[in-house]
PDB file of N, CA and C in Angstrom:
ATOM      1  N   MET A   1     -23.626  47.851   2.514  1.00  0.00           N
ATOM      2  CA  MET A   1     -25.010  47.660   2.135  1.00  0.00           C
ATOM      3  C   MET A   1     -25.597  46.555   3.001  1.00  0.00           C
ATOM      4  N   ALA A   2     -26.854  46.696   3.325  1.00  0.00           N
ATOM      5  CA  ALA A   2     -27.541  45.682   4.125  1.00  0.00           C
ATOM      6  C   ALA A   2     -27.607  44.367   3.363  1.00  0.00           C
ATOM      7  N   GLN A   3     -27.456  43.277   4.064  1.00  0.00           N
ATOM      8  CA  GLN A   3     -27.557  41.973   3.436  1.00  0.00           C
ATOM      9  C   GLN A   3     -29.018  41.583   3.315  1.00  0.00           C
ATOM     10  N   VAL A   4     -29.328  40.863   2.268  1.00  0.00           N
ATOM     11  CA  VAL A   4     -30.696  40.441   2.006  1.00  0.00           C
ATOM     12  C   VAL A   4     -30.756  38.929   2.090  1.00  0.00           C
ATOM     13  N   GLY A   5     -31.693  38.396   2.852  1.00  0.00           N
ATOM     14  CA  GLY A   5     -31.879  36.961   2.907  1.00  0.00           C
ATOM     15  C   GLY A   5     -32.647  36.486   1.688  1.00  0.00           C
ATOM     16  N   LEU A   6     -32.100  35.525   0.981  1.00  0.00           N
ATOM     17  CA  LEU A   6     -32.743  35.009  -0.221  1.00  0.00           C
ATOM     18  C   LEU A   6     -33.254  33.608   0.046  1.00  0.00           C
ATOM     19  N   ASP A   7     -34.377  33.273  -0.559  1.00  0.00           N
ATOM     20  CA  ASP A   7     -34.973  31.965  -0.335  1.00  0.00           C
ATOM     21  C   ASP A   7     -34.588  30.953  -1.405  1.00  0.00           C
ATOM     22  N   GLY A   8     -33.699  31.271  -2.292  1.00  0.00           N
ATOM     23  CA  GLY A   8     -33.299  30.362  -3.363  1.00  0.00           C
ATOM     24  C   GLY A   8     -31.826  30.514  -3.647  1.00  0.00           C
ATOM     25  N   GLN A   9     -31.474  30.305  -4.910  1.00  0.00           N
ATOM     26  CA  GLN A   9     -30.091  30.435  -5.332  1.00  0.00           C
ATOM     27  C   GLN A   9     -29.963  31.622  -6.277  1.00  0.00           C
ATOM     28  N   SER A  10     -28.901  32.391  -6.101  1.00  0.00           N
ATOM     29  CA  SER A  10     -28.598  33.506  -6.982  1.00  0.00           C
ATOM     30  C   SER A  10     -27.110  33.487  -7.269  1.00  0.00           C
ATOM     31  N   SER A  11     -26.750  33.835  -8.494  1.00  0.00           N
ATOM     32  CA  SER A  11     -25.338  33.904  -8.826  1.00  0.00           C
ATOM     33  C   SER A  11     -25.089  35.082  -9.748  1.00  0.00           C
ATOM     34  N   VAL A  12     -23.980  35.760  -9.526  1.00  0.00           N
ATOM     35  CA  VAL A  12     -23.558  36.866 -10.377  1.00  0.00           C
ATOM     36  C   VAL A  12     -22.655  36.290 -11.452  1.00  0.00           C
ATOM     37  N   GLY A  13     -22.927  36.667 -12.688  1.00  0.00           N
ATOM     38  CA  GLY A  13     -22.120  36.167 -13.790  1.00  0.00           C
ATOM     39  C   GLY A  13     -21.206  37.215 -14.382  1.00  0.00           C
ATOM     40  N   CYS A  14     -21.665  38.467 -14.434  1.00  0.00           N
ATOM     41  CA  CYS A  14     -20.890  39.545 -15.040  1.00  0.00           C
ATOM     42  C   CYS A  14     -21.071  40.812 -14.230  1.00  0.00           C
ATOM     43  N   LEU A  15     -20.047  41.649 -14.241  1.00  0.00           N
ATOM     44  CA  LEU A  15     -20.152  42.936 -13.569  1.00  0.00           C
ATOM     45  C   LEU A  15     -19.291  43.961 -14.289  1.00  0.00           C
ATOM     46  N   ASP A  16     -19.620  45.238 -14.047  1.00  0.00           N
ATOM     47  CA  ASP A  16     -18.856  46.351 -14.589  1.00  0.00           C
ATOM     48  C   ASP A  16     -19.033  47.533 -13.646  1.00  0.00           C
ATOM     49  N   VAL A  17     -18.127  48.471 -13.702  1.00  0.00           N
ATOM     50  CA  VAL A  17     -18.172  49.682 -12.896  1.00  0.00           C
ATOM     51  C   VAL A  17     -18.130  50.874 -13.832  1.00  0.00           C
ATOM     52  N   ASP A  18     -19.013  51.867 -13.620  1.00  0.00           N
ATOM     53  CA  ASP A  18     -18.998  53.047 -14.477  1.00  0.00           C
ATOM     54  C   ASP A  18     -18.021  54.095 -13.938  1.00  0.00           C
ATOM     55  N   ALA A  19     -17.898  55.203 -14.651  1.00  0.00           N
ATOM     56  CA  ALA A  19     -16.933  56.243 -14.293  1.00  0.00           C
ATOM     57  C   ALA A  19     -17.210  56.860 -12.925  1.00  0.00           C
ATOM     58  N   ALA A  20     -18.464  56.840 -12.484  1.00  0.00           N
ATOM     59  CA  ALA A  20     -18.835  57.400 -11.184  1.00  0.00           C
ATOM     60  C   ALA A  20     -18.623  56.407 -10.044  1.00  0.00           C
ATOM     61  N   GLY A  21     -18.323  55.159 -10.380  1.00  0.00           N
ATOM     62  CA  GLY A  21     -18.109  54.144  -9.354  1.00  0.00           C
ATOM     63  C   GLY A  21     -19.312  53.276  -9.043  1.00  0.00           C
ATOM     64  N   ALA A  22     -20.399  53.427  -9.811  1.00  0.00           N
ATOM     65  CA  ALA A  22     -21.567  52.562  -9.615  1.00  0.00           C
ATOM     66  C   ALA A  22     -21.251  51.171 -10.172  1.00  0.00           C
ATOM     67  N   LEU A  23     -21.741  50.156  -9.492  1.00  0.00           N
ATOM     68  CA  LEU A  23     -21.507  48.765  -9.859  1.00  0.00           C
ATOM     69  C   LEU A  23     -22.737  48.204 -10.563  1.00  0.00           C
ATOM     70  N   TYR A  24     -22.535  47.568 -11.710  1.00  0.00           N
ATOM     71  CA  TYR A  24     -23.609  46.925 -12.468  1.00  0.00           C
ATOM     72  C   TYR A  24     -23.369  45.432 -12.428  1.00  0.00           C
ATOM     73  N   LEU A  25     -24.422  44.672 -12.116  1.00  0.00           N
ATOM     74  CA  LEU A  25     -24.335  43.221 -12.005  1.00  0.00           C
ATOM     75  C   LEU A  25     -25.407  42.562 -12.860  1.00  0.00           C
ATOM     76  N   THR A  26     -25.083  41.433 -13.415  1.00  0.00           N
ATOM     77  CA  THR A  26     -26.094  40.594 -14.043  1.00  0.00           C
ATOM     78  C   THR A  26     -25.811  39.151 -13.645  1.00  0.00           C
ATOM     79  N   GLY A  27     -26.857  38.376 -13.582  1.00  0.00           N
ATOM     80  CA  GLY A  27     -26.724  36.982 -13.193  1.00  0.00           C
ATOM     81  C   GLY A  27     -28.075  36.307 -13.282  1.00  0.00           C
ATOM     82  N   SER A  28     -28.262  35.248 -12.504  1.00  0.00           N
ATOM     83  CA  SER A  28     -29.550  34.550 -12.519  1.00  0.00           C
ATOM     84  C   SER A  28     -29.939  34.174 -11.101  1.00  0.00           C
ATOM     85  N   THR A  29     -31.245  34.011 -10.917  1.00  0.00           N
ATOM     86  CA  THR A  29     -31.776  33.681  -9.601  1.00  0.00           C
ATOM     87  C   THR A  29     -33.044  32.848  -9.742  1.00  0.00           C
ATOM     88  N   ASN A  30     -33.334  32.070  -8.712  1.00  0.00           N
ATOM     89  CA  ASN A  30     -34.645  31.432  -8.605  1.00  0.00           C
ATOM     90  C   ASN A  30     -35.301  31.846  -7.290  1.00  0.00           C
ATOM     91  N   SER A  31     -34.851  32.965  -6.731  1.00  0.00           N
ATOM     92  CA  SER A  31     -35.330  33.449  -5.449  1.00  0.00           C
ATOM     93  C   SER A  31     -36.583  34.313  -5.592  1.00  0.00           C
ATOM     94  N   ASN A  32     -37.592  33.995  -4.802  1.00  0.00           N
ATOM     95  CA  ASN A  32     -38.790  34.831  -4.749  1.00  0.00           C
ATOM     96  C   ASN A  32     -38.560  36.107  -3.953  1.00  0.00           C
ATOM     97  N   SER A  33     -37.476  36.161  -3.185  1.00  0.00           N
ATOM     98  CA  SER A  33     -37.208  37.341  -2.366  1.00  0.00           C
ATOM     99  C   SER A  33     -36.029  38.161  -2.879  1.00  0.00           C
ATOM    100  N   PHE A  34     -35.666  37.953  -4.144  1.00  0.00           N
ATOM    101  CA  PHE A  34     -34.591  38.763  -4.729  1.00  0.00           C
ATOM    102  C   PHE A  34     -35.004  40.231  -4.655  1.00  0.00           C
ATOM    103  N   PRO A  35     -34.106  41.121  -4.231  1.00  0.00           N
ATOM    104  CA  PRO A  35     -34.502  42.527  -4.054  1.00  0.00           C
ATOM    105  C   PRO A  35     -34.768  43.215  -5.393  1.00  0.00           C
ATOM    106  N   THR A  36     -35.952  43.792  -5.522  1.00  0.00           N
ATOM    107  CA  THR A  36     -36.272  44.568  -6.715  1.00  0.00           C
ATOM    108  C   THR A  36     -36.511  46.018  -6.291  1.00  0.00           C
ATOM    109  N   VAL A  37     -35.859  46.921  -7.003  1.00  0.00           N
ATOM    110  CA  VAL A  37     -35.957  48.361  -6.754  1.00  0.00           C
ATOM    111  C   VAL A  37     -36.060  49.036  -8.107  1.00  0.00           C
ATOM    112  N   ASN A  38     -37.058  49.903  -8.286  1.00  0.00           N
ATOM    113  CA  ASN A  38     -37.278  50.548  -9.585  1.00  0.00           C
ATOM    114  C   ASN A  38     -37.275  49.515 -10.704  1.00  0.00           C
ATOM    115  N   ALA A  39     -37.977  48.424 -10.474  1.00  0.00           N
ATOM    116  CA  ALA A  39     -37.985  47.296 -11.403  1.00  0.00           C
ATOM    117  C   ALA A  39     -38.804  47.602 -12.654  1.00  0.00           C
ATOM    118  N   ALA A  40     -38.484  46.884 -13.720  1.00  0.00           N
ATOM    119  CA  ALA A  40     -39.260  46.991 -14.956  1.00  0.00           C
ATOM    120  C   ALA A  40     -40.699  46.575 -14.670  1.00  0.00           C
ATOM    121  N   ASP A  41     -41.656  47.203 -15.333  1.00  0.00           N
ATOM    122  CA  ASP A  41     -43.076  46.936 -15.086  1.00  0.00           C
ATOM    123  C   ASP A  41     -43.442  45.464 -15.226  1.00  0.00           C
ATOM    124  N   SER A  42     -42.854  44.787 -16.193  1.00  0.00           N
ATOM    125  CA  SER A  42     -43.221  43.400 -16.444  1.00  0.00           C
ATOM    126  C   SER A  42     -42.269  42.415 -15.763  1.00  0.00           C
ATOM    127  N   ALA A  43     -41.427  42.912 -14.878  1.00  0.00           N
ATOM    128  CA  ALA A  43     -40.427  42.053 -14.249  1.00  0.00           C
ATOM    129  C   ALA A  43     -41.055  41.129 -13.220  1.00  0.00           C
ATOM    130  N   ASN A  44     -40.758  39.842 -13.358  1.00  0.00           N
ATOM    131  CA  ASN A  44     -41.195  38.877 -12.360  1.00  0.00           C
ATOM    132  C   ASN A  44     -40.344  37.623 -12.469  1.00  0.00           C
ATOM    133  N   LEU A  45     -40.374  36.839 -11.428  1.00  0.00           N
ATOM    134  CA  LEU A  45     -39.671  35.562 -11.420  1.00  0.00           C
ATOM    135  C   LEU A  45     -40.523  34.574 -12.196  1.00  0.00           C
ATOM    136  N   ALA A  46     -39.962  34.022 -13.254  1.00  0.00           N
ATOM    137  CA  ALA A  46     -40.698  33.066 -14.079  1.00  0.00           C
ATOM    138  C   ALA A  46     -39.711  32.030 -14.608  1.00  0.00           C
ATOM    139  N   GLY A  47     -40.164  30.822 -14.782  1.00  0.00           N
ATOM    140  CA  GLY A  47     -39.268  29.769 -15.231  1.00  0.00           C
ATOM    141  C   GLY A  47     -38.417  29.259 -14.083  1.00  0.00           C
ATOM    142  N   SER A  48     -37.472  28.371 -14.400  1.00  0.00           N
ATOM    143  CA  SER A  48     -36.666  27.780 -13.340  1.00  0.00           C
ATOM    144  C   SER A  48     -35.613  28.742 -12.809  1.00  0.00           C
ATOM    145  N   PHE A  49     -34.979  29.491 -13.648  1.00  0.00           N
ATOM    146  CA  PHE A  49     -34.058  30.560 -13.258  1.00  0.00           C
ATOM    147  C   PHE A  49     -34.343  31.766 -14.122  1.00  0.00           C
ATOM    148  N   THR A  50     -34.249  32.955 -13.555  1.00  0.00           N
ATOM    149  CA  THR A  50     -34.537  34.195 -14.266  1.00  0.00           C
ATOM    150  C   THR A  50     -33.327  35.115 -14.154  1.00  0.00           C
ATOM    151  N   PRO A  51     -32.905  35.723 -15.259  1.00  0.00           N
ATOM    152  CA  PRO A  51     -31.811  36.687 -15.185  1.00  0.00           C
ATOM    153  C   PRO A  51     -32.221  37.924 -14.380  1.00  0.00           C
ATOM    154  N   PHE A  52     -31.225  38.626 -13.852  1.00  0.00           N
ATOM    155  CA  PHE A  52     -31.472  39.900 -13.186  1.00  0.00           C
ATOM    156  C   PHE A  52     -30.419  40.903 -13.619  1.00  0.00           C
ATOM    157  N   VAL A  53     -30.751  42.172 -13.480  1.00  0.00           N
ATOM    158  CA  VAL A  53     -29.822  43.279 -13.700  1.00  0.00           C
ATOM    159  C   VAL A  53     -29.950  44.194 -12.486  1.00  0.00           C
ATOM    160  N   THR A  54     -28.823  44.543 -11.879  1.00  0.00           N
ATOM    161  CA  THR A  54     -28.802  45.358 -10.665  1.00  0.00           C
ATOM    162  C   THR A  54     -27.737  46.438 -10.787  1.00  0.00           C
ATOM    163  N   LYS A  55     -28.080  47.645 -10.313  1.00  0.00           N
ATOM    164  CA  LYS A  55     -27.105  48.731 -10.227  1.00  0.00           C
ATOM    165  C   LYS A  55     -26.990  49.143  -8.766  1.00  0.00           C
ATOM    166  N   VAL A  56     -25.750  49.114  -8.249  1.00  0.00           N
ATOM    167  CA  VAL A  56     -25.468  49.501  -6.873  1.00  0.00           C
ATOM    168  C   VAL A  56     -24.871  50.905  -6.894  1.00  0.00           C
ATOM    169  N   ALA A  57     -25.359  51.778  -6.032  1.00  0.00           N
ATOM    170  CA  ALA A  57     -24.876  53.158  -5.955  1.00  0.00           C
ATOM    171  C   ALA A  57     -23.366  53.181  -5.697  1.00  0.00           C
ATOM    172  N   PRO A  58     -22.687  54.248  -6.138  1.00  0.00           N
ATOM    173  CA  PRO A  58     -21.237  54.330  -5.959  1.00  0.00           C
ATOM    174  C   PRO A  58     -20.762  54.174  -4.511  1.00  0.00           C
ATOM    175  N   ASP A  59     -21.568  54.581  -3.542  1.00  0.00           N
ATOM    176  CA  ASP A  59     -21.156  54.438  -2.142  1.00  0.00           C
ATOM    177  C   ASP A  59     -21.402  53.028  -1.600  1.00  0.00           C
ATOM    178  N   GLY A  60     -22.033  52.165  -2.408  1.00  0.00           N
ATOM    179  CA  GLY A  60     -22.295  50.787  -1.999  1.00  0.00           C
ATOM    180  C   GLY A  60     -23.397  50.629  -0.974  1.00  0.00           C
ATOM    181  N   GLN A  61     -24.122  51.706  -0.668  1.00  0.00           N
ATOM    182  CA  GLN A  61     -25.116  51.672   0.401  1.00  0.00           C
ATOM    183  C   GLN A  61     -26.545  51.430  -0.061  1.00  0.00           C
ATOM    184  N   SER A  62     -26.797  51.494  -1.378  1.00  0.00           N
ATOM    185  CA  SER A  62     -28.180  51.317  -1.841  1.00  0.00           C
ATOM    186  C   SER A  62     -28.205  50.790  -3.268  1.00  0.00           C
ATOM    187  N   LEU A  63     -29.358  50.257  -3.643  1.00  0.00           N
ATOM    188  CA  LEU A  63     -29.582  49.820  -5.012  1.00  0.00           C
ATOM    189  C   LEU A  63     -30.262  50.949  -5.769  1.00  0.00           C
ATOM    190  N   VAL A  64     -29.710  51.313  -6.916  1.00  0.00           N
ATOM    191  CA  VAL A  64     -30.335  52.311  -7.786  1.00  0.00           C
ATOM    192  C   VAL A  64     -31.498  51.653  -8.511  1.00  0.00           C
ATOM    193  N   PHE A  65     -31.244  50.460  -9.056  1.00  0.00           N
ATOM    194  CA  PHE A  65     -32.313  49.626  -9.593  1.00  0.00           C
ATOM    195  C   PHE A  65     -31.880  48.182  -9.496  1.00  0.00           C
ATOM    196  N   SER A  66     -32.865  47.307  -9.440  1.00  0.00           N
ATOM    197  CA  SER A  66     -32.631  45.874  -9.416  1.00  0.00           C
ATOM    198  C   SER A  66     -33.901  45.221  -9.924  1.00  0.00           C
ATOM    199  N   THR A  67     -33.789  44.433 -10.988  1.00  0.00           N
ATOM    200  CA  THR A  67     -34.979  43.896 -11.622  1.00  0.00           C
ATOM    201  C   THR A  67     -34.728  42.512 -12.206  1.00  0.00           C
ATOM    202  N   TYR A  68     -35.755  41.693 -12.166  1.00  0.00           N
ATOM    203  CA  TYR A  68     -35.736  40.464 -12.949  1.00  0.00           C
ATOM    204  C   TYR A  68     -35.745  40.882 -14.414  1.00  0.00           C
ATOM    205  N   PHE A  69     -35.146  40.058 -15.269  1.00  0.00           N
ATOM    206  CA  PHE A  69     -35.031  40.438 -16.671  1.00  0.00           C
ATOM    207  C   PHE A  69     -35.098  39.175 -17.529  1.00  0.00           C
ATOM    208  N   GLY A  70     -36.303  38.661 -17.735  1.00  0.00           N
ATOM    209  CA  GLY A  70     -36.423  37.434 -18.506  1.00  0.00           C
ATOM    210  C   GLY A  70     -37.861  37.126 -18.848  1.00  0.00           C
ATOM    211  N   GLY A  71     -38.037  36.021 -19.524  1.00  0.00           N
ATOM    212  CA  GLY A  71     -39.362  35.590 -19.938  1.00  0.00           C
ATOM    213  C   GLY A  71     -39.881  34.485 -19.034  1.00  0.00           C
ATOM    214  N   THR A  72     -40.645  33.549 -19.602  1.00  0.00           N
ATOM    215  CA  THR A  72     -41.293  32.526 -18.796  1.00  0.00           C
ATOM    216  C   THR A  72     -40.557  31.194 -18.799  1.00  0.00           C
ATOM    217  N   GLY A  73     -39.547  31.029 -19.633  1.00  0.00           N
ATOM    218  CA  GLY A  73     -38.811  29.769 -19.685  1.00  0.00           C
ATOM    219  C   GLY A  73     -37.468  29.890 -19.009  1.00  0.00           C
ATOM    220  N   LEU A  74     -36.557  29.012 -19.375  1.00  0.00           N
ATOM    221  CA  LEU A  74     -35.190  29.077 -18.869  1.00  0.00           C
ATOM    222  C   LEU A  74     -34.467  30.152 -19.667  1.00  0.00           C
ATOM    223  N   ASP A  75     -34.126  31.239 -19.029  1.00  0.00           N
ATOM    224  CA  ASP A  75     -33.462  32.362 -19.685  1.00  0.00           C
ATOM    225  C   ASP A  75     -32.020  32.457 -19.203  1.00  0.00           C
ATOM    226  N   LEU A  76     -31.159  32.899 -20.080  1.00  0.00           N
ATOM    227  CA  LEU A  76     -29.749  33.068 -19.749  1.00  0.00           C
ATOM    228  C   LEU A  76     -29.392  34.544 -19.766  1.00  0.00           C
ATOM    229  N   TYR A  77     -28.456  34.934 -18.932  1.00  0.00           N
ATOM    230  CA  TYR A  77     -27.993  36.312 -18.913  1.00  0.00           C
ATOM    231  C   TYR A  77     -26.771  36.428 -19.818  1.00  0.00           C
ATOM    232  N   GLY A  78     -26.450  37.656 -20.188  1.00  0.00           N
ATOM    233  CA  GLY A  78     -25.276  37.919 -20.995  1.00  0.00           C
ATOM    234  C   GLY A  78     -24.336  38.859 -20.265  1.00  0.00           C
ATOM    235  N   ASP A  79     -23.413  39.402 -21.010  1.00  0.00           N
ATOM    236  CA  ASP A  79     -22.473  40.374 -20.445  1.00  0.00           C
ATOM    237  C   ASP A  79     -23.183  41.667 -20.136  1.00  0.00           C
ATOM    238  N   ILE A  80     -22.521  42.505 -19.332  1.00  0.00           N
ATOM    239  CA  ILE A  80     -23.035  43.833 -19.036  1.00  0.00           C
ATOM    240  C   ILE A  80     -21.862  44.807 -19.125  1.00  0.00           C
ATOM    241  N   ALA A  81     -22.130  45.975 -19.684  1.00  0.00           N
ATOM    242  CA  ALA A  81     -21.092  47.003 -19.806  1.00  0.00           C
ATOM    243  C   ALA A  81     -21.736  48.357 -19.556  1.00  0.00           C
ATOM    244  N   ALA A  82     -21.116  49.131 -18.686  1.00  0.00           N
ATOM    245  CA  ALA A  82     -21.616  50.475 -18.390  1.00  0.00           C
ATOM    246  C   ALA A  82     -21.102  51.425 -19.478  1.00  0.00           C
ATOM    247  N   GLY A  83     -22.023  52.180 -20.065  1.00  0.00           N
ATOM    248  CA  GLY A  83     -21.650  53.152 -21.079  1.00  0.00           C
ATOM    249  C   GLY A  83     -21.108  54.420 -20.442  1.00  0.00           C
ATOM    250  N   PRO A  84     -20.704  55.366 -21.262  1.00  0.00           N
ATOM    251  CA  PRO A  84     -20.111  56.604 -20.728  1.00  0.00           C
ATOM    252  C   PRO A  84     -21.062  57.426 -19.868  1.00  0.00           C
ATOM    253  N   ARG A  85     -22.371  57.247 -20.032  1.00  0.00           N
ATOM    254  CA  ARG A  85     -23.353  57.980 -19.220  1.00  0.00           C
ATOM    255  C   ARG A  85     -23.951  57.100 -18.132  1.00  0.00           C
ATOM    256  N   GLY A  86     -23.383  55.937 -17.917  1.00  0.00           N
ATOM    257  CA  GLY A  86     -23.874  55.026 -16.886  1.00  0.00           C
ATOM    258  C   GLY A  86     -25.053  54.239 -17.367  1.00  0.00           C
TER     259      GLY A  86
END
């Protein structure tokens, strides 16, 4: 997968792989250039750090979705688990 230059700090906290081999990641970022693909309508960078959720295609070559996932304050991410249907 192509590397993305980020203008801040990002860290992955949890990950899981589904039966098809897609990778799911969650973590936090303060980057304005974090890659968003098929993002939630209300997704934006807000607060000092914002959680994100990202799904990487099974071949590792593209993002299926990647979105900020938080409110306006300091938000924390939790675990992530891929269900039987991904």
